[in-house]
């Protein structure tokens, strides 16, 4: 190895190390795919929240006990995770409060969504009577 090649080798090693550290910090392509799937699940939970409120409106301002299809509110609502086919969970907490939950792949990520708990994957919503 000649001494005039040393700067080029050091720069190449620095670039490789920088890329490696970047992949470790960011998580690489699979981490990005997991976050994208979680974003889809959160979007589904939000749509389900609108769906639950519509069903409650049709049911004399009463939250449903369980989720089921309702063609008057939304024909294309997803009641299950499109990636795992696991049903989304619905829990009626009180007469005006309910929770919608999904199994998230990245449970420690910060989502800037009010009343969403990343550790449980649950979105707590209220029905305005």
N, C-alpha and C. Protein backbone atom coordinates (compact mmCIF):
# COMPACT_ATOMS: atom_id res chain seq x y z
N UNK A 1 0.86 -1.17 0.00
CA UNK A 1 0.00 0.00 0.00
C UNK A 1 0.91 1.23 0.00
N UNK A 2 0.62 2.11 -0.90
CA UNK A 2 1.41 3.34 -1.01
C UNK A 2 0.80 4.42 -0.13
N UNK A 3 1.62 5.31 0.35
CA UNK A 3 1.15 6.36 1.25
C UNK A 3 0.23 7.36 0.55
N UNK A 4 0.34 7.50 -0.78
CA UNK A 4 -0.56 8.44 -1.47
C UNK A 4 -1.99 7.88 -1.57
N UNK A 5 -2.19 6.59 -1.38
CA UNK A 5 -3.53 5.98 -1.39
C UNK A 5 -4.21 6.04 -0.02
N UNK A 6 -3.46 6.34 1.01
CA UNK A 6 -3.99 6.35 2.36
C UNK A 6 -5.17 7.32 2.54
N UNK A 7 -5.13 8.56 2.06
CA UNK A 7 -6.29 9.45 2.21
C UNK A 7 -7.56 8.89 1.54
N UNK A 8 -7.41 8.29 0.38
CA UNK A 8 -8.57 7.72 -0.31
C UNK A 8 -9.15 6.55 0.49
N UNK A 9 -8.29 5.73 1.04
CA UNK A 9 -8.75 4.60 1.85
C UNK A 9 -9.44 5.09 3.11
N UNK A 10 -8.89 6.09 3.76
CA UNK A 10 -9.51 6.64 4.97
C UNK A 10 -10.88 7.26 4.67
N UNK A 11 -10.98 7.96 3.56
CA UNK A 11 -12.26 8.55 3.18
C UNK A 11 -13.28 7.45 2.89
N UNK A 12 -12.87 6.41 2.19
CA UNK A 12 -13.77 5.30 1.90
C UNK A 12 -14.24 4.63 3.19
N UNK A 13 -13.33 4.41 4.13
CA UNK A 13 -13.71 3.81 5.41
C UNK A 13 -14.66 4.72 6.19
N UNK A 14 -14.42 6.03 6.13
CA UNK A 14 -15.30 6.99 6.80
C UNK A 14 -16.71 6.95 6.20
N UNK A 15 -16.80 6.88 4.89
CA UNK A 15 -18.11 6.80 4.22
C UNK A 15 -18.83 5.51 4.62
N UNK A 16 -18.13 4.40 4.61
CA UNK A 16 -18.73 3.11 4.99
C UNK A 16 -19.21 3.15 6.44
N UNK A 17 -18.38 3.70 7.33
CA UNK A 17 -18.77 3.80 8.73
C UNK A 17 -19.98 4.71 8.91
N UNK A 18 -20.04 5.81 8.17
CA UNK A 18 -21.17 6.74 8.26
C UNK A 18 -22.45 6.07 7.80
N UNK A 19 -22.40 5.34 6.72
CA UNK A 19 -23.59 4.63 6.22
C UNK A 19 -24.02 3.58 7.23
N UNK A 20 -23.08 2.84 7.79
CA UNK A 20 -23.42 1.81 8.78
C UNK A 20 -24.07 2.41 10.01
N UNK A 21 -23.52 3.50 10.52
CA UNK A 21 -24.11 4.17 11.69
C UNK A 21 -25.49 4.70 11.35
N UNK A 22 -25.65 5.26 10.17
CA UNK A 22 -26.96 5.76 9.75
C UNK A 22 -28.01 4.65 9.72
N UNK A 23 -27.64 3.49 9.20
CA UNK A 23 -28.58 2.36 9.16
C UNK A 23 -28.92 1.88 10.56
N UNK A 24 -27.94 1.89 11.44
CA UNK A 24 -28.20 1.46 12.82
C UNK A 24 -29.13 2.44 13.52
N UNK A 25 -28.91 3.73 13.35
CA UNK A 25 -29.73 4.75 14.01
C UNK A 25 -31.15 4.78 13.45
N UNK A 26 -31.27 4.79 12.14
CA UNK A 26 -32.58 4.89 11.49
C UNK A 26 -33.30 3.55 11.48
N UNK A 27 -32.57 2.48 11.39
CA UNK A 27 -33.19 1.16 11.41
C UNK A 27 -33.25 0.50 10.05
N UNK A 28 -32.89 1.19 9.04
CA UNK A 28 -32.87 0.58 7.71
C UNK A 28 -34.24 0.49 7.08
N UNK A 29 -34.30 -0.16 5.93
CA UNK A 29 -35.54 -0.23 5.17
C UNK A 29 -36.67 -0.99 5.89
N UNK A 30 -36.34 -2.04 6.62
CA UNK A 30 -37.39 -2.81 7.31
C UNK A 30 -38.06 -1.97 8.39
N UNK A 31 -37.29 -1.17 9.10
CA UNK A 31 -37.87 -0.28 10.12
C UNK A 31 -38.83 0.71 9.47
N UNK A 32 -38.45 1.21 8.30
CA UNK A 32 -39.33 2.12 7.57
C UNK A 32 -40.63 1.44 7.15
N UNK A 33 -40.52 0.19 6.72
CA UNK A 33 -41.74 -0.55 6.34
C UNK A 33 -42.63 -0.80 7.55
N UNK A 34 -42.02 -1.12 8.69
CA UNK A 34 -42.81 -1.34 9.91
C UNK A 34 -43.55 -0.07 10.31
N UNK A 35 -42.86 1.08 10.25
CA UNK A 35 -43.51 2.35 10.60
C UNK A 35 -44.63 2.67 9.63
N UNK A 36 -44.45 2.37 8.36
CA UNK A 36 -45.48 2.62 7.35
C UNK A 36 -46.71 1.76 7.63
N UNK A 37 -46.49 0.49 7.99
CA UNK A 37 -47.63 -0.38 8.31
C UNK A 37 -48.36 0.13 9.56
N UNK A 38 -47.60 0.61 10.56
CA UNK A 38 -48.22 1.16 11.76
C UNK A 38 -49.03 2.41 11.44
N UNK A 39 -48.53 3.24 10.55
CA UNK A 39 -49.29 4.43 10.14
C UNK A 39 -50.60 4.04 9.47
N UNK A 40 -50.58 2.97 8.70
CA UNK A 40 -51.81 2.47 8.08
C UNK A 40 -52.79 1.98 9.14
N UNK A 41 -52.27 1.32 10.16
CA UNK A 41 -53.14 0.85 11.25
C UNK A 41 -53.77 2.03 12.00
N UNK A 42 -52.98 3.06 12.25
CA UNK A 42 -53.52 4.24 12.94
C UNK A 42 -54.59 4.91 12.08
N UNK A 43 -54.36 4.99 10.79
CA UNK A 43 -55.37 5.56 9.89
C UNK A 43 -56.65 4.73 9.95
N UNK A 44 -56.51 3.41 10.01
CA UNK A 44 -57.68 2.54 10.14
C UNK A 44 -58.42 2.81 11.45
N UNK A 45 -57.67 2.98 12.56
CA UNK A 45 -58.31 3.26 13.85
C UNK A 45 -59.07 4.58 13.81
N UNK A 46 -58.51 5.57 13.15
CA UNK A 46 -59.21 6.86 13.03
C UNK A 46 -60.50 6.71 12.22
N UNK A 47 -60.43 5.96 11.13
CA UNK A 47 -61.64 5.72 10.33
C UNK A 47 -62.66 4.93 11.13
N UNK A 48 -62.18 3.97 11.92
CA UNK A 48 -63.10 3.20 12.77
C UNK A 48 -63.75 4.10 13.80
N UNK A 49 -63.02 5.12 14.29
CA UNK A 49 -63.61 6.07 15.24
C UNK A 49 -64.77 6.81 14.62
N UNK A 50 -64.62 7.25 13.39
CA UNK A 50 -65.71 7.91 12.66
C UNK A 50 -66.86 6.94 12.43
N UNK A 51 -66.51 5.70 12.11
CA UNK A 51 -67.52 4.65 11.90
C UNK A 51 -68.33 4.40 13.17
N UNK A 52 -67.65 4.29 14.32
CA UNK A 52 -68.34 4.04 15.60
C UNK A 52 -69.29 5.19 15.90
N UNK A 53 -68.85 6.42 15.64
CA UNK A 53 -69.73 7.56 15.91
C UNK A 53 -70.95 7.54 15.00
N UNK A 54 -70.77 7.14 13.76
CA UNK A 54 -71.90 7.04 12.84
C UNK A 54 -72.89 5.98 13.31
N UNK A 55 -72.37 4.83 13.72
CA UNK A 55 -73.24 3.76 14.22
C UNK A 55 -73.99 4.23 15.46
N UNK A 56 -73.31 4.94 16.35
CA UNK A 56 -73.96 5.46 17.55
C UNK A 56 -75.05 6.47 17.19
N UNK A 57 -74.79 7.31 16.19
CA UNK A 57 -75.81 8.27 15.74
C UNK A 57 -77.06 7.53 15.27
N UNK A 58 -76.87 6.45 14.54
CA UNK A 58 -78.00 5.67 14.03
C UNK A 58 -78.70 4.87 15.13
N UNK A 59 -77.98 4.64 16.22
CA UNK A 59 -78.49 3.81 17.31
C UNK A 59 -78.94 4.67 18.50
N UNK A 60 -79.61 5.74 18.21
CA UNK A 60 -80.15 6.65 19.23
C UNK A 60 -79.09 7.12 20.21
N UNK A 61 -77.96 7.56 19.67
CA UNK A 61 -76.85 8.11 20.46
C UNK A 61 -76.28 7.12 21.48
N UNK A 62 -76.26 5.85 21.09
CA UNK A 62 -75.71 4.81 21.96
C UNK A 62 -74.56 4.12 21.26
N UNK A 63 -73.42 4.04 21.95
CA UNK A 63 -72.27 3.35 21.38
C UNK A 63 -72.59 1.86 21.18
N UNK A 64 -72.09 1.27 20.12
CA UNK A 64 -72.34 -0.16 19.92
C UNK A 64 -71.58 -1.00 20.97
N UNK A 65 -72.10 -2.18 21.24
CA UNK A 65 -71.43 -3.09 22.17
C UNK A 65 -70.26 -3.78 21.48
N UNK A 66 -70.44 -4.11 20.19
CA UNK A 66 -69.40 -4.75 19.39
C UNK A 66 -69.38 -4.10 18.02
N UNK A 67 -68.26 -4.23 17.33
CA UNK A 67 -68.16 -3.69 15.98
C UNK A 67 -68.62 -4.72 14.96
N UNK A 68 -69.31 -4.24 13.97
CA UNK A 68 -69.74 -5.07 12.85
C UNK A 68 -70.00 -4.19 11.65
N UNK A 69 -70.10 -4.79 10.50
CA UNK A 69 -70.35 -4.01 9.29
C UNK A 69 -71.70 -3.31 9.39
N UNK A 70 -71.76 -2.12 8.82
CA UNK A 70 -72.99 -1.34 8.78
C UNK A 70 -72.96 -0.57 7.46
N UNK A 71 -73.79 -0.97 6.54
CA UNK A 71 -73.76 -0.38 5.20
C UNK A 71 -74.21 1.08 5.19
N UNK A 72 -74.94 1.51 6.20
CA UNK A 72 -75.37 2.90 6.24
C UNK A 72 -74.23 3.85 6.62
N UNK A 73 -73.25 3.35 7.33
CA UNK A 73 -72.14 4.21 7.77
C UNK A 73 -70.95 4.14 6.83
N UNK A 74 -70.52 2.94 6.49
CA UNK A 74 -69.37 2.81 5.61
C UNK A 74 -69.27 1.37 5.13
N UNK A 75 -69.34 1.19 3.84
CA UNK A 75 -69.31 -0.15 3.28
C UNK A 75 -67.89 -0.72 3.24
N UNK A 76 -66.89 0.13 3.19
CA UNK A 76 -65.52 -0.31 2.98
C UNK A 76 -64.65 -0.22 4.23
N UNK A 77 -65.25 -0.22 5.40
CA UNK A 77 -64.47 -0.09 6.63
C UNK A 77 -63.72 -1.40 6.89
N UNK A 78 -62.46 -1.27 7.32
CA UNK A 78 -61.67 -2.46 7.65
C UNK A 78 -61.79 -2.73 9.14
N UNK A 79 -62.22 -3.91 9.47
CA UNK A 79 -62.34 -4.30 10.87
C UNK A 79 -61.14 -5.12 11.34
N UNK A 80 -60.21 -5.39 10.41
CA UNK A 80 -59.03 -6.18 10.75
C UNK A 80 -57.79 -5.56 10.12
N UNK A 81 -56.68 -5.86 10.71
CA UNK A 81 -55.37 -5.41 10.23
C UNK A 81 -55.14 -5.99 8.83
N UNK A 82 -54.86 -5.15 7.84
CA UNK A 82 -54.68 -5.66 6.48
C UNK A 82 -53.39 -6.45 6.28
N UNK A 83 -52.47 -6.37 7.24
CA UNK A 83 -51.18 -7.06 7.10
C UNK A 83 -51.15 -8.40 7.84
N UNK A 84 -51.94 -8.51 8.92
CA UNK A 84 -51.93 -9.74 9.72
C UNK A 84 -53.29 -10.42 9.81
N UNK A 85 -54.33 -9.75 9.33
CA UNK A 85 -55.72 -10.22 9.44
C UNK A 85 -56.20 -10.34 10.89
N UNK A 86 -55.48 -9.75 11.82
CA UNK A 86 -55.90 -9.72 13.22
C UNK A 86 -57.00 -8.67 13.36
N UNK A 87 -58.14 -9.04 13.93
CA UNK A 87 -59.21 -8.04 14.09
C UNK A 87 -58.78 -6.89 15.00
N UNK A 88 -59.18 -5.68 14.61
CA UNK A 88 -58.95 -4.54 15.49
C UNK A 88 -59.85 -4.73 16.71
N UNK A 89 -59.37 -4.28 17.87
CA UNK A 89 -60.13 -4.45 19.10
C UNK A 89 -60.94 -3.19 19.39
N UNK A 90 -62.16 -3.42 19.80
CA UNK A 90 -63.06 -2.34 20.20
C UNK A 90 -63.52 -2.62 21.61
N UNK A 91 -63.45 -1.60 22.45
CA UNK A 91 -63.90 -1.74 23.83
C UNK A 91 -64.73 -0.52 24.20
N UNK A 92 -65.94 -0.76 24.60
CA UNK A 92 -66.81 0.31 25.09
C UNK A 92 -66.46 0.51 26.57
N UNK A 93 -65.83 1.64 26.89
CA UNK A 93 -65.36 1.91 28.24
C UNK A 93 -66.47 2.46 29.12
N UNK A 94 -67.29 3.35 28.55
CA UNK A 94 -68.42 3.93 29.26
C UNK A 94 -69.50 4.25 28.22
N UNK A 95 -70.51 4.97 28.63
CA UNK A 95 -71.58 5.34 27.70
C UNK A 95 -71.10 6.30 26.62
N UNK A 96 -69.98 7.00 26.89
CA UNK A 96 -69.49 7.99 25.93
C UNK A 96 -68.03 7.79 25.52
N UNK A 97 -67.35 6.80 26.09
CA UNK A 97 -65.93 6.60 25.80
C UNK A 97 -65.69 5.19 25.28
N UNK A 98 -64.81 5.09 24.30
CA UNK A 98 -64.47 3.78 23.75
C UNK A 98 -63.01 3.77 23.31
N UNK A 99 -62.48 2.56 23.19
CA UNK A 99 -61.09 2.38 22.78
C UNK A 99 -61.04 1.50 21.54
N UNK A 100 -60.16 1.87 20.64
CA UNK A 100 -59.89 1.08 19.44
C UNK A 100 -58.40 0.73 19.48
N UNK A 101 -58.08 -0.55 19.30
CA UNK A 101 -56.70 -0.98 19.46
C UNK A 101 -56.24 -1.82 18.28
N UNK A 102 -54.95 -1.72 18.00
CA UNK A 102 -54.29 -2.51 16.97
C UNK A 102 -52.94 -2.94 17.50
N UNK A 103 -52.46 -4.07 17.02
CA UNK A 103 -51.12 -4.52 17.39
C UNK A 103 -50.12 -3.75 16.54
N UNK A 104 -49.32 -2.92 17.21
CA UNK A 104 -48.34 -2.09 16.51
C UNK A 104 -47.00 -2.83 16.46
N UNK A 105 -46.25 -2.58 15.41
CA UNK A 105 -44.94 -3.21 15.27
C UNK A 105 -43.84 -2.40 15.96
N UNK A 106 -44.02 -1.08 16.03
CA UNK A 106 -43.03 -0.20 16.67
C UNK A 106 -43.72 0.47 17.85
N UNK A 107 -43.67 -0.19 19.00
CA UNK A 107 -44.44 0.29 20.15
C UNK A 107 -43.78 1.45 20.90
N UNK A 108 -42.52 1.74 20.61
CA UNK A 108 -41.86 2.84 21.32
C UNK A 108 -41.75 4.11 20.50
N UNK A 109 -42.41 4.14 19.37
CA UNK A 109 -42.38 5.34 18.52
C UNK A 109 -43.32 6.40 19.06
N UNK A 110 -42.95 7.65 18.89
CA UNK A 110 -43.80 8.75 19.33
C UNK A 110 -44.72 9.15 18.18
N UNK A 111 -46.01 9.11 18.44
CA UNK A 111 -47.01 9.55 17.48
C UNK A 111 -47.65 10.80 18.06
N UNK A 112 -47.82 11.80 17.25
CA UNK A 112 -48.40 13.04 17.74
C UNK A 112 -49.91 13.03 17.50
N UNK A 113 -50.55 12.07 18.16
CA UNK A 113 -52.00 11.90 18.04
C UNK A 113 -52.56 11.92 19.45
N UNK A 114 -53.48 12.82 19.69
CA UNK A 114 -54.07 12.92 21.01
C UNK A 114 -54.78 11.62 21.36
N UNK A 115 -54.59 11.20 22.58
CA UNK A 115 -55.26 10.04 23.17
C UNK A 115 -54.86 8.71 22.53
N UNK A 116 -53.68 8.67 21.91
CA UNK A 116 -53.15 7.41 21.38
C UNK A 116 -51.99 6.96 22.25
N UNK A 117 -52.04 5.70 22.69
CA UNK A 117 -51.00 5.13 23.53
C UNK A 117 -50.17 4.15 22.69
N UNK A 118 -48.97 4.54 22.27
CA UNK A 118 -48.15 3.65 21.43
C UNK A 118 -47.83 2.32 22.09
N UNK A 119 -47.65 2.30 23.40
CA UNK A 119 -47.28 1.06 24.08
C UNK A 119 -48.39 0.01 24.02
N UNK A 120 -49.65 0.45 23.98
CA UNK A 120 -50.77 -0.49 23.90
C UNK A 120 -51.37 -0.55 22.50
N UNK A 121 -51.07 0.45 21.68
CA UNK A 121 -51.66 0.51 20.34
C UNK A 121 -53.12 0.92 20.38
N UNK A 122 -53.54 1.60 21.45
CA UNK A 122 -54.95 1.95 21.63
C UNK A 122 -55.20 3.45 21.48
N UNK A 123 -56.29 3.75 20.83
CA UNK A 123 -56.78 5.10 20.65
C UNK A 123 -58.06 5.22 21.45
N UNK A 124 -58.09 6.13 22.42
CA UNK A 124 -59.27 6.33 23.26
C UNK A 124 -60.04 7.53 22.73
N UNK A 125 -61.31 7.33 22.45
CA UNK A 125 -62.14 8.39 21.87
C UNK A 125 -63.41 8.58 22.70
N UNK A 126 -64.02 9.74 22.53
CA UNK A 126 -65.27 10.05 23.22
C UNK A 126 -66.35 10.32 22.19
N UNK A 127 -67.55 9.90 22.54
CA UNK A 127 -68.71 10.15 21.70
C UNK A 127 -69.47 11.34 22.25
N UNK A 128 -69.58 12.41 21.49
CA UNK A 128 -70.32 13.58 21.99
C UNK A 128 -71.82 13.34 21.87
N UNK A 129 -72.48 13.28 22.96
CA UNK A 129 -73.93 13.03 22.94
C UNK A 129 -74.69 14.25 22.56
